[in-house]
Amino acid sequence: MSGLIFLVIFGMFLCGCIWLAKHLGNLVPNPSLRSAVRIVILFLLLASPLVDEVIGKYQFEALCRANGIESANVSKAQGKRVRLDVGIKRPLYGMIMPGTVEDWFYRDVDSNEIVIQHKAYFAFGGWLMRYSPLNMGSRHPIFFPGGCPVDYLDRDSIFSKNNITLVN
């Protein structure tokens, strides 16, 4: 049933985009350019629900590269046993997609000193995933995992290269 509802909604969206592209294309005075303008407008309208997801993907990837575990200075933690302390989750502002950020602190087990510090980012989906029934209960983005660290493989490889042991 939900598939049928999706097809009806998508059909209405497609018809609306075609109608709008046709009417906006008719505003072009040059008849030889009119059909090309209609096609360009149609493709732009069809892609518009996903634009925030595409831009958000690149914004979050840049944040993760700049402030994630990959950019953290691990020299103070070499050869030590560390435990993870997660800071307070707070909203992330200035992005096209909403999200949250947390400060992650790795403390030396013996001295309780912070030896590694980085940020963890978590993105919510674009407006299509937040406000439509297509999300099926999930607020995650469509085009990327929606967070960093994603699967902790980067952290684990950095820790193993530097002989750092994570203790729970």
N, C-alpha and C. Protein backbone atom coordinates (compact mmCIF):
# COMPACT_ATOMS: atom_id res chain seq x y z
N MET A 1 0.81 -1.20 0.00
CA MET A 1 0.00 0.00 0.00
C MET A 1 0.86 1.26 0.00
N SER A 2 1.95 1.22 0.80
CA SER A 2 2.82 2.40 0.83
C SER A 2 3.51 2.61 -0.51
N GLY A 3 3.79 1.52 -1.22
CA GLY A 3 4.37 1.65 -2.56
C GLY A 3 3.42 2.32 -3.53
N LEU A 4 2.14 2.01 -3.42
CA LEU A 4 1.14 2.65 -4.26
C LEU A 4 1.01 4.13 -3.93
N ILE A 5 1.03 4.45 -2.64
CA ILE A 5 0.98 5.86 -2.23
C ILE A 5 2.20 6.60 -2.76
N PHE A 6 3.37 5.98 -2.67
CA PHE A 6 4.59 6.59 -3.19
C PHE A 6 4.46 6.86 -4.69
N LEU A 7 3.96 5.88 -5.44
CA LEU A 7 3.82 6.07 -6.89
C LEU A 7 2.84 7.20 -7.22
N VAL A 8 1.76 7.31 -6.47
CA VAL A 8 0.80 8.39 -6.70
C VAL A 8 1.45 9.75 -6.41
N ILE A 9 2.16 9.84 -5.29
CA ILE A 9 2.82 11.10 -4.94
C ILE A 9 3.89 11.45 -5.96
N PHE A 10 4.70 10.46 -6.36
CA PHE A 10 5.73 10.72 -7.35
C PHE A 10 5.11 11.12 -8.69
N GLY A 11 4.01 10.49 -9.08
CA GLY A 11 3.33 10.86 -10.32
C GLY A 11 2.81 12.29 -10.28
N MET A 12 2.27 12.69 -9.14
CA MET A 12 1.79 14.07 -8.99
C MET A 12 2.97 15.05 -9.05
N PHE A 13 4.08 14.69 -8.42
CA PHE A 13 5.27 15.53 -8.46
C PHE A 13 5.79 15.66 -9.88
N LEU A 14 5.85 14.54 -10.61
CA LEU A 14 6.32 14.54 -11.98
C LEU A 14 5.42 15.38 -12.87
N CYS A 15 4.12 15.22 -12.74
CA CYS A 15 3.18 16.02 -13.54
C CYS A 15 3.31 17.51 -13.22
N GLY A 16 3.47 17.84 -11.96
CA GLY A 16 3.66 19.24 -11.57
C GLY A 16 4.93 19.82 -12.14
N CYS A 17 6.01 19.04 -12.13
CA CYS A 17 7.28 19.52 -12.70
C CYS A 17 7.17 19.72 -14.20
N ILE A 18 6.50 18.79 -14.89
CA ILE A 18 6.32 18.93 -16.34
C ILE A 18 5.47 20.15 -16.65
N TRP A 19 4.40 20.34 -15.91
CA TRP A 19 3.53 21.49 -16.13
C TRP A 19 4.28 22.80 -15.91
N LEU A 20 5.04 22.87 -14.82
CA LEU A 20 5.78 24.09 -14.51
C LEU A 20 6.88 24.34 -15.54
N ALA A 21 7.59 23.30 -15.96
CA ALA A 21 8.64 23.45 -16.97
C ALA A 21 8.05 23.92 -18.29
N LYS A 22 6.88 23.38 -18.66
CA LYS A 22 6.23 23.78 -19.91
C LYS A 22 5.83 25.26 -19.87
N HIS A 23 5.24 25.68 -18.75
CA HIS A 23 4.79 27.06 -18.67
C HIS A 23 5.94 28.06 -18.54
N LEU A 24 6.98 27.69 -17.81
CA LEU A 24 8.14 28.56 -17.74
C LEU A 24 8.90 28.59 -19.06
N GLY A 25 8.95 27.46 -19.75
CA GLY A 25 9.60 27.42 -21.05
C GLY A 25 8.89 28.26 -22.10
N ASN A 26 7.56 28.39 -21.96
CA ASN A 26 6.80 29.21 -22.91
C ASN A 26 7.13 30.70 -22.77
N LEU A 27 7.75 31.09 -21.68
CA LEU A 27 8.13 32.49 -21.50
C LEU A 27 9.35 32.88 -22.33
N VAL A 28 10.07 31.89 -22.85
CA VAL A 28 11.25 32.16 -23.68
C VAL A 28 10.77 32.62 -25.06
N PRO A 29 11.20 33.80 -25.49
CA PRO A 29 10.69 34.33 -26.77
C PRO A 29 11.22 33.59 -28.00
N ASN A 30 12.41 33.02 -27.91
CA ASN A 30 13.02 32.35 -29.06
C ASN A 30 12.49 30.92 -29.16
N PRO A 31 11.73 30.59 -30.22
CA PRO A 31 11.13 29.25 -30.33
C PRO A 31 12.17 28.13 -30.44
N SER A 32 13.33 28.41 -30.98
CA SER A 32 14.33 27.35 -31.12
C SER A 32 14.97 26.99 -29.77
N LEU A 33 14.97 27.91 -28.83
CA LEU A 33 15.52 27.63 -27.50
C LEU A 33 14.48 27.13 -26.51
N ARG A 34 13.22 27.27 -26.86
CA ARG A 34 12.14 26.98 -25.92
C ARG A 34 12.17 25.54 -25.40
N SER A 35 12.35 24.57 -26.29
CA SER A 35 12.34 23.17 -25.85
C SER A 35 13.56 22.84 -25.01
N ALA A 36 14.71 23.42 -25.32
CA ALA A 36 15.92 23.17 -24.53
C ALA A 36 15.75 23.75 -23.12
N VAL A 37 15.16 24.93 -23.03
CA VAL A 37 14.92 25.55 -21.73
C VAL A 37 13.94 24.71 -20.92
N ARG A 38 12.91 24.18 -21.57
CA ARG A 38 11.94 23.33 -20.87
C ARG A 38 12.61 22.09 -20.27
N ILE A 39 13.50 21.47 -21.05
CA ILE A 39 14.19 20.26 -20.58
C ILE A 39 15.11 20.59 -19.40
N VAL A 40 15.85 21.68 -19.49
CA VAL A 40 16.74 22.07 -18.40
C VAL A 40 15.93 22.36 -17.14
N ILE A 41 14.85 23.10 -17.29
CA ILE A 41 13.99 23.41 -16.14
C ILE A 41 13.41 22.14 -15.54
N LEU A 42 12.99 21.20 -16.37
CA LEU A 42 12.43 19.94 -15.88
C LEU A 42 13.45 19.17 -15.05
N PHE A 43 14.69 19.06 -15.56
CA PHE A 43 15.72 18.35 -14.80
C PHE A 43 16.06 19.05 -13.49
N LEU A 44 16.10 20.37 -13.51
CA LEU A 44 16.37 21.11 -12.27
C LEU A 44 15.25 20.91 -11.25
N LEU A 45 14.02 20.92 -11.71
CA LEU A 45 12.89 20.70 -10.80
C LEU A 45 12.88 19.29 -10.24
N LEU A 46 13.22 18.30 -11.07
CA LEU A 46 13.24 16.92 -10.61
C LEU A 46 14.36 16.68 -9.59
N ALA A 47 15.47 17.39 -9.74
CA ALA A 47 16.59 17.22 -8.82
C ALA A 47 16.45 18.05 -7.55
N SER A 48 15.57 19.00 -7.53
CA SER A 48 15.48 19.93 -6.40
C SER A 48 15.24 19.28 -5.03
N PRO A 49 14.48 18.20 -4.91
CA PRO A 49 14.31 17.61 -3.56
C PRO A 49 15.58 16.99 -2.98
N LEU A 50 16.58 16.75 -3.82
CA LEU A 50 17.78 16.07 -3.35
C LEU A 50 19.00 16.97 -3.27
N VAL A 51 18.85 18.23 -3.63
CA VAL A 51 20.00 19.14 -3.67
C VAL A 51 20.61 19.32 -2.28
N ASP A 52 19.79 19.46 -1.25
CA ASP A 52 20.34 19.66 0.08
C ASP A 52 21.12 18.44 0.57
N GLU A 53 20.73 17.25 0.14
CA GLU A 53 21.46 16.04 0.50
C GLU A 53 22.85 16.02 -0.16
N VAL A 54 22.92 16.43 -1.41
CA VAL A 54 24.19 16.42 -2.13
C VAL A 54 25.14 17.45 -1.52
N ILE A 55 24.66 18.67 -1.31
CA ILE A 55 25.50 19.71 -0.71
C ILE A 55 25.88 19.33 0.72
N GLY A 56 24.92 18.81 1.48
CA GLY A 56 25.19 18.40 2.86
C GLY A 56 26.25 17.32 2.95
N LYS A 57 26.26 16.40 2.01
CA LYS A 57 27.26 15.33 1.99
C LYS A 57 28.66 15.93 1.95
N TYR A 58 28.88 16.88 1.06
CA TYR A 58 30.21 17.48 0.94
C TYR A 58 30.55 18.34 2.15
N GLN A 59 29.57 19.01 2.73
CA GLN A 59 29.83 19.81 3.93
C GLN A 59 30.24 18.93 5.10
N PHE A 60 29.52 17.83 5.32
CA PHE A 60 29.85 16.95 6.44
C PHE A 60 31.17 16.21 6.21
N GLU A 61 31.47 15.84 4.98
CA GLU A 61 32.75 15.20 4.71
C GLU A 61 33.90 16.16 5.00
N ALA A 62 33.73 17.44 4.65
CA ALA A 62 34.77 18.43 4.93
C ALA A 62 34.95 18.62 6.44
N LEU A 63 33.86 18.66 7.18
CA LEU A 63 33.95 18.77 8.64
C LEU A 63 34.67 17.57 9.25
N CYS A 64 34.34 16.40 8.77
CA CYS A 64 34.96 15.18 9.30
C CYS A 64 36.46 15.15 9.02
N ARG A 65 36.85 15.58 7.81
CA ARG A 65 38.28 15.61 7.49
C ARG A 65 39.02 16.64 8.35
N ALA A 66 38.38 17.78 8.59
CA ALA A 66 39.05 18.87 9.32
C ALA A 66 39.11 18.63 10.82
N ASN A 67 38.06 18.02 11.40
CA ASN A 67 37.98 17.92 12.86
C ASN A 67 37.78 16.52 13.39
N GLY A 68 37.77 15.52 12.52
CA GLY A 68 37.52 14.15 12.95
C GLY A 68 38.77 13.48 13.49
N ILE A 69 38.67 12.18 13.72
CA ILE A 69 39.78 11.40 14.29
C ILE A 69 40.98 11.40 13.35
N GLU A 70 40.75 11.53 12.04
CA GLU A 70 41.85 11.51 11.08
C GLU A 70 42.78 12.70 11.26
N SER A 71 42.24 13.83 11.76
CA SER A 71 43.06 15.03 11.93
C SER A 71 43.57 15.20 13.36
N ALA A 72 43.21 14.30 14.25
CA ALA A 72 43.59 14.44 15.66
C ALA A 72 45.08 14.15 15.85
N ASN A 73 45.68 14.82 16.80
CA ASN A 73 47.08 14.61 17.16
C ASN A 73 47.15 13.47 18.18
N VAL A 74 47.69 12.35 17.75
CA VAL A 74 47.73 11.17 18.61
C VAL A 74 49.11 10.93 19.22
N SER A 75 50.02 11.87 19.05
CA SER A 75 51.40 11.66 19.52
C SER A 75 51.47 11.50 21.03
N LYS A 76 50.61 12.20 21.78
CA LYS A 76 50.63 12.09 23.25
C LYS A 76 50.10 10.75 23.74
N ALA A 77 49.37 10.05 22.87
CA ALA A 77 48.74 8.79 23.29
C ALA A 77 49.50 7.55 22.84
N GLN A 78 50.61 7.73 22.16
CA GLN A 78 51.33 6.57 21.64
C GLN A 78 51.75 5.63 22.77
N GLY A 79 51.40 4.37 22.59
CA GLY A 79 51.78 3.34 23.55
C GLY A 79 50.98 3.35 24.84
N LYS A 80 49.89 4.09 24.90
CA LYS A 80 49.11 4.19 26.14
C LYS A 80 47.77 3.49 26.02
N ARG A 81 47.19 3.25 27.19
CA ARG A 81 45.83 2.73 27.25
C ARG A 81 44.92 3.93 27.49
N VAL A 82 43.84 4.04 26.68
CA VAL A 82 42.95 5.19 26.76
C VAL A 82 41.51 4.73 26.91
N ARG A 83 40.68 5.62 27.45
CA ARG A 83 39.25 5.37 27.49
C ARG A 83 38.55 6.58 26.86
N LEU A 84 37.37 6.35 26.33
CA LEU A 84 36.62 7.38 25.62
C LEU A 84 35.62 8.05 26.54
N ASP A 85 35.65 9.38 26.57
CA ASP A 85 34.62 10.19 27.22
C ASP A 85 33.96 11.02 26.13
N VAL A 86 32.65 10.93 26.05
CA VAL A 86 31.90 11.66 25.03
C VAL A 86 31.27 12.89 25.66
N GLY A 87 31.46 14.03 25.02
CA GLY A 87 30.89 15.27 25.51
C GLY A 87 29.40 15.37 25.21
N ILE A 88 28.84 16.50 25.53
CA ILE A 88 27.41 16.75 25.35
C ILE A 88 27.11 16.94 23.87
N LYS A 89 26.04 16.31 23.43
CA LYS A 89 25.59 16.47 22.04
C LYS A 89 24.89 17.82 21.92
N ARG A 90 25.32 18.61 20.93
CA ARG A 90 24.71 19.93 20.74
C ARG A 90 24.42 20.15 19.26
N PRO A 91 23.49 21.04 18.95
CA PRO A 91 23.13 21.27 17.55
C PRO A 91 24.28 21.86 16.76
N LEU A 92 24.31 21.53 15.50
CA LEU A 92 25.33 22.03 14.58
C LEU A 92 24.69 23.09 13.69
N TYR A 93 25.21 24.28 13.73
CA TYR A 93 24.63 25.39 12.97
C TYR A 93 25.48 25.70 11.74
N GLY A 94 24.87 26.38 10.78
CA GLY A 94 25.59 26.83 9.60
C GLY A 94 25.72 25.80 8.50
N MET A 95 24.96 24.73 8.58
CA MET A 95 25.01 23.69 7.55
C MET A 95 23.69 23.66 6.80
N ILE A 96 23.70 23.15 5.59
CA ILE A 96 22.46 23.09 4.82
C ILE A 96 21.52 22.02 5.39
N MET A 97 22.10 20.99 6.03
CA MET A 97 21.30 19.96 6.68
C MET A 97 21.50 20.06 8.19
N PRO A 98 20.46 19.83 8.97
CA PRO A 98 20.66 19.88 10.42
C PRO A 98 21.50 18.71 10.90
N GLY A 99 22.13 18.90 12.02
CA GLY A 99 22.95 17.85 12.57
C GLY A 99 23.36 18.17 13.99
N THR A 100 24.16 17.28 14.56
CA THR A 100 24.67 17.48 15.92
C THR A 100 26.18 17.25 15.92
N VAL A 101 26.82 17.78 16.94
CA VAL A 101 28.26 17.60 17.11
C VAL A 101 28.53 17.23 18.56
N GLU A 102 29.52 16.37 18.76
CA GLU A 102 29.97 15.97 20.10
C GLU A 102 31.48 16.09 20.15
N ASP A 103 32.00 16.47 21.31
CA ASP A 103 33.44 16.42 21.54
C ASP A 103 33.78 15.06 22.12
N TRP A 104 34.75 14.40 21.52
CA TRP A 104 35.19 13.10 22.01
C TRP A 104 36.58 13.26 22.61
N PHE A 105 36.73 12.83 23.84
CA PHE A 105 37.99 12.92 24.55
C PHE A 105 38.48 11.51 24.86
N TYR A 106 39.72 11.24 24.54
CA TYR A 106 40.35 9.98 24.93
C TYR A 106 41.31 10.32 26.06
N ARG A 107 41.06 9.74 27.22
CA ARG A 107 41.86 10.02 28.41
C ARG A 107 42.78 8.84 28.70
N ASP A 108 43.97 9.17 29.16
CA ASP A 108 44.90 8.15 29.61
C ASP A 108 44.29 7.47 30.84
N VAL A 109 44.27 6.15 30.83
CA VAL A 109 43.64 5.40 31.92
C VAL A 109 44.38 5.65 33.24
N ASP A 110 45.69 5.76 33.19
CA ASP A 110 46.47 5.90 34.42
C ASP A 110 46.44 7.32 34.98
N SER A 111 46.61 8.33 34.14
CA SER A 111 46.72 9.71 34.64
C SER A 111 45.45 10.54 34.47
N ASN A 112 44.47 10.04 33.75
CA ASN A 112 43.21 10.75 33.47
C ASN A 112 43.43 12.01 32.62
N GLU A 113 44.58 12.13 32.01
CA GLU A 113 44.90 13.28 31.15
C GLU A 113 44.28 13.06 29.76
N ILE A 114 43.77 14.14 29.17
CA ILE A 114 43.24 14.05 27.80
C ILE A 114 44.42 13.97 26.84
N VAL A 115 44.49 12.87 26.10
CA VAL A 115 45.61 12.67 25.18
C VAL A 115 45.19 12.78 23.72
N ILE A 116 43.92 12.58 23.43
CA ILE A 116 43.38 12.75 22.08
C ILE A 116 42.04 13.46 22.20
N GLN A 117 41.81 14.40 21.31
CA GLN A 117 40.53 15.10 21.30
C GLN A 117 40.13 15.34 19.85
N HIS A 118 38.88 15.04 19.53
CA HIS A 118 38.34 15.32 18.20
C HIS A 118 36.84 15.48 18.30
N LYS A 119 36.22 15.81 17.19
CA LYS A 119 34.77 16.01 17.15
C LYS A 119 34.12 14.88 16.36
N ALA A 120 32.90 14.56 16.75
CA ALA A 120 32.08 13.59 16.02
C ALA A 120 30.84 14.31 15.52
N TYR A 121 30.54 14.15 14.25
CA TYR A 121 29.41 14.84 13.62
C TYR A 121 28.36 13.83 13.20
N PHE A 122 27.10 14.22 13.36
CA PHE A 122 25.99 13.36 12.97
C PHE A 122 24.98 14.21 12.21
N ALA A 123 24.66 13.81 10.98
CA ALA A 123 23.75 14.58 10.14
C ALA A 123 22.38 13.92 10.10
N PHE A 124 21.36 14.76 10.04
CA PHE A 124 20.02 14.29 9.76
C PHE A 124 19.81 14.40 8.26
N GLY A 125 18.83 13.75 7.73
CA GLY A 125 18.57 13.79 6.31
C GLY A 125 18.12 15.16 5.84
N GLY A 126 18.07 15.31 4.53
CA GLY A 126 17.57 16.54 3.94
C GLY A 126 16.07 16.66 4.18
N TRP A 127 15.48 17.70 3.63
CA TRP A 127 14.06 17.95 3.91
C TRP A 127 13.19 16.81 3.39
N LEU A 128 13.59 16.15 2.32
CA LEU A 128 12.80 15.03 1.79
C LEU A 128 12.75 13.88 2.80
N MET A 129 13.86 13.61 3.48
CA MET A 129 13.88 12.53 4.46
C MET A 129 13.27 12.93 5.79
N ARG A 130 13.24 14.20 6.09
CA ARG A 130 12.68 14.63 7.37
C ARG A 130 11.18 14.85 7.32
N TYR A 131 10.65 15.28 6.18
CA TYR A 131 9.26 15.71 6.14
C TYR A 131 8.37 14.91 5.21
N SER A 132 8.85 13.83 4.66
CA SER A 132 8.00 13.03 3.78
C SER A 132 7.87 11.61 4.32
N PRO A 133 6.87 10.88 3.86
CA PRO A 133 6.74 9.50 4.32
C PRO A 133 7.80 8.57 3.74
N LEU A 134 8.66 9.07 2.85
CA LEU A 134 9.71 8.24 2.27
C LEU A 134 10.74 7.80 3.31
N ASN A 135 10.82 8.51 4.42
CA ASN A 135 11.84 8.18 5.42
C ASN A 135 11.56 6.88 6.15
N MET A 136 10.34 6.44 6.20
CA MET A 136 9.94 5.20 6.87
C MET A 136 10.49 5.12 8.29
N GLY A 137 10.44 6.23 9.00
CA GLY A 137 10.87 6.27 10.39
C GLY A 137 12.33 6.61 10.60
N SER A 138 13.09 6.77 9.56
CA SER A 138 14.50 7.09 9.68
C SER A 138 14.75 8.54 9.28
N ARG A 139 15.60 9.22 10.03
CA ARG A 139 15.94 10.60 9.69
C ARG A 139 17.34 10.68 9.10
N HIS A 140 17.93 9.56 8.69
CA HIS A 140 19.28 9.56 8.16
C HIS A 140 19.31 10.04 6.72
N PRO A 141 20.44 10.58 6.29
CA PRO A 141 20.57 11.02 4.89
C PRO A 141 20.49 9.87 3.90
N ILE A 142 20.22 10.21 2.67
CA ILE A 142 20.11 9.20 1.61
C ILE A 142 21.48 8.85 1.04
N PHE A 143 22.34 9.86 0.80
CA PHE A 143 23.55 9.67 0.02
C PHE A 143 24.83 9.41 0.81
N PHE A 144 24.78 9.45 2.12
CA PHE A 144 25.98 9.17 2.91
C PHE A 144 25.55 8.68 4.28
N PRO A 145 26.46 8.06 5.03
CA PRO A 145 26.07 7.43 6.31
C PRO A 145 25.51 8.40 7.34
N GLY A 146 25.87 9.65 7.25
CA GLY A 146 25.29 10.63 8.17
C GLY A 146 26.07 10.85 9.44
N GLY A 147 27.29 10.41 9.48
CA GLY A 147 28.07 10.66 10.68
C GLY A 147 29.52 10.33 10.50
N CYS A 148 30.32 10.87 11.36
CA CYS A 148 31.70 10.47 11.43
C CYS A 148 32.10 10.47 12.90
N PRO A 149 32.67 9.47 13.40
CA PRO A 149 33.15 8.30 12.67
C PRO A 149 32.00 7.40 12.20
N VAL A 150 32.21 6.78 11.04
CA VAL A 150 31.17 5.95 10.45
C VAL A 150 31.20 4.55 11.03
N ASP A 151 32.31 3.88 10.92
CA ASP A 151 32.37 2.49 11.34
C ASP A 151 33.57 2.19 12.25
N TYR A 152 34.28 3.22 12.68
CA TYR A 152 35.40 3.11 13.61
C TYR A 152 36.62 2.40 13.02
N LEU A 153 36.60 2.06 11.73
CA LEU A 153 37.77 1.41 11.13
C LEU A 153 38.94 2.36 11.05
N ASP A 154 38.69 3.63 10.75
CA ASP A 154 39.77 4.62 10.70
C ASP A 154 40.41 4.78 12.07
N ARG A 155 39.58 4.90 13.09
CA ARG A 155 40.10 5.05 14.45
C ARG A 155 40.91 3.82 14.85
N ASP A 156 40.39 2.64 14.56
CA ASP A 156 41.09 1.42 14.95
C ASP A 156 42.43 1.28 14.23
N SER A 157 42.49 1.69 12.95
CA SER A 157 43.77 1.59 12.24
C SER A 157 44.77 2.63 12.77
N ILE A 158 44.30 3.83 13.11
CA ILE A 158 45.18 4.84 13.70
C ILE A 158 45.69 4.37 15.05
N PHE A 159 44.81 3.78 15.85
CA PHE A 159 45.21 3.30 17.17
C PHE A 159 46.21 2.14 17.05
N SER A 160 45.99 1.23 16.12
CA SER A 160 46.92 0.09 15.99
C SER A 160 48.28 0.55 15.48
N LYS A 161 48.32 1.54 14.58
CA LYS A 161 49.60 2.06 14.08
C LYS A 161 50.40 2.74 15.19
N ASN A 162 49.71 3.34 16.14
CA ASN A 162 50.37 4.08 17.21
C ASN A 162 50.40 3.32 18.53
N ASN A 163 50.05 2.03 18.49
CA ASN A 163 50.07 1.18 19.68
C ASN A 163 49.23 1.76 20.82
N ILE A 164 48.04 2.20 20.48
CA ILE A 164 47.10 2.76 21.47
C ILE A 164 46.03 1.71 21.72
N THR A 165 45.76 1.45 23.00
CA THR A 165 44.75 0.46 23.38
C THR A 165 43.54 1.18 23.93
N LEU A 166 42.38 0.89 23.38
CA LEU A 166 41.12 1.48 23.87
C LEU A 166 40.52 0.56 24.92
N VAL A 167 40.27 1.11 26.11
CA VAL A 167 39.70 0.36 27.21
C VAL A 167 38.30 0.88 27.45
N ASN A 168 37.37 -0.01 27.69
CA ASN A 168 35.99 0.42 27.94
C ASN A 168 35.81 0.94 29.34
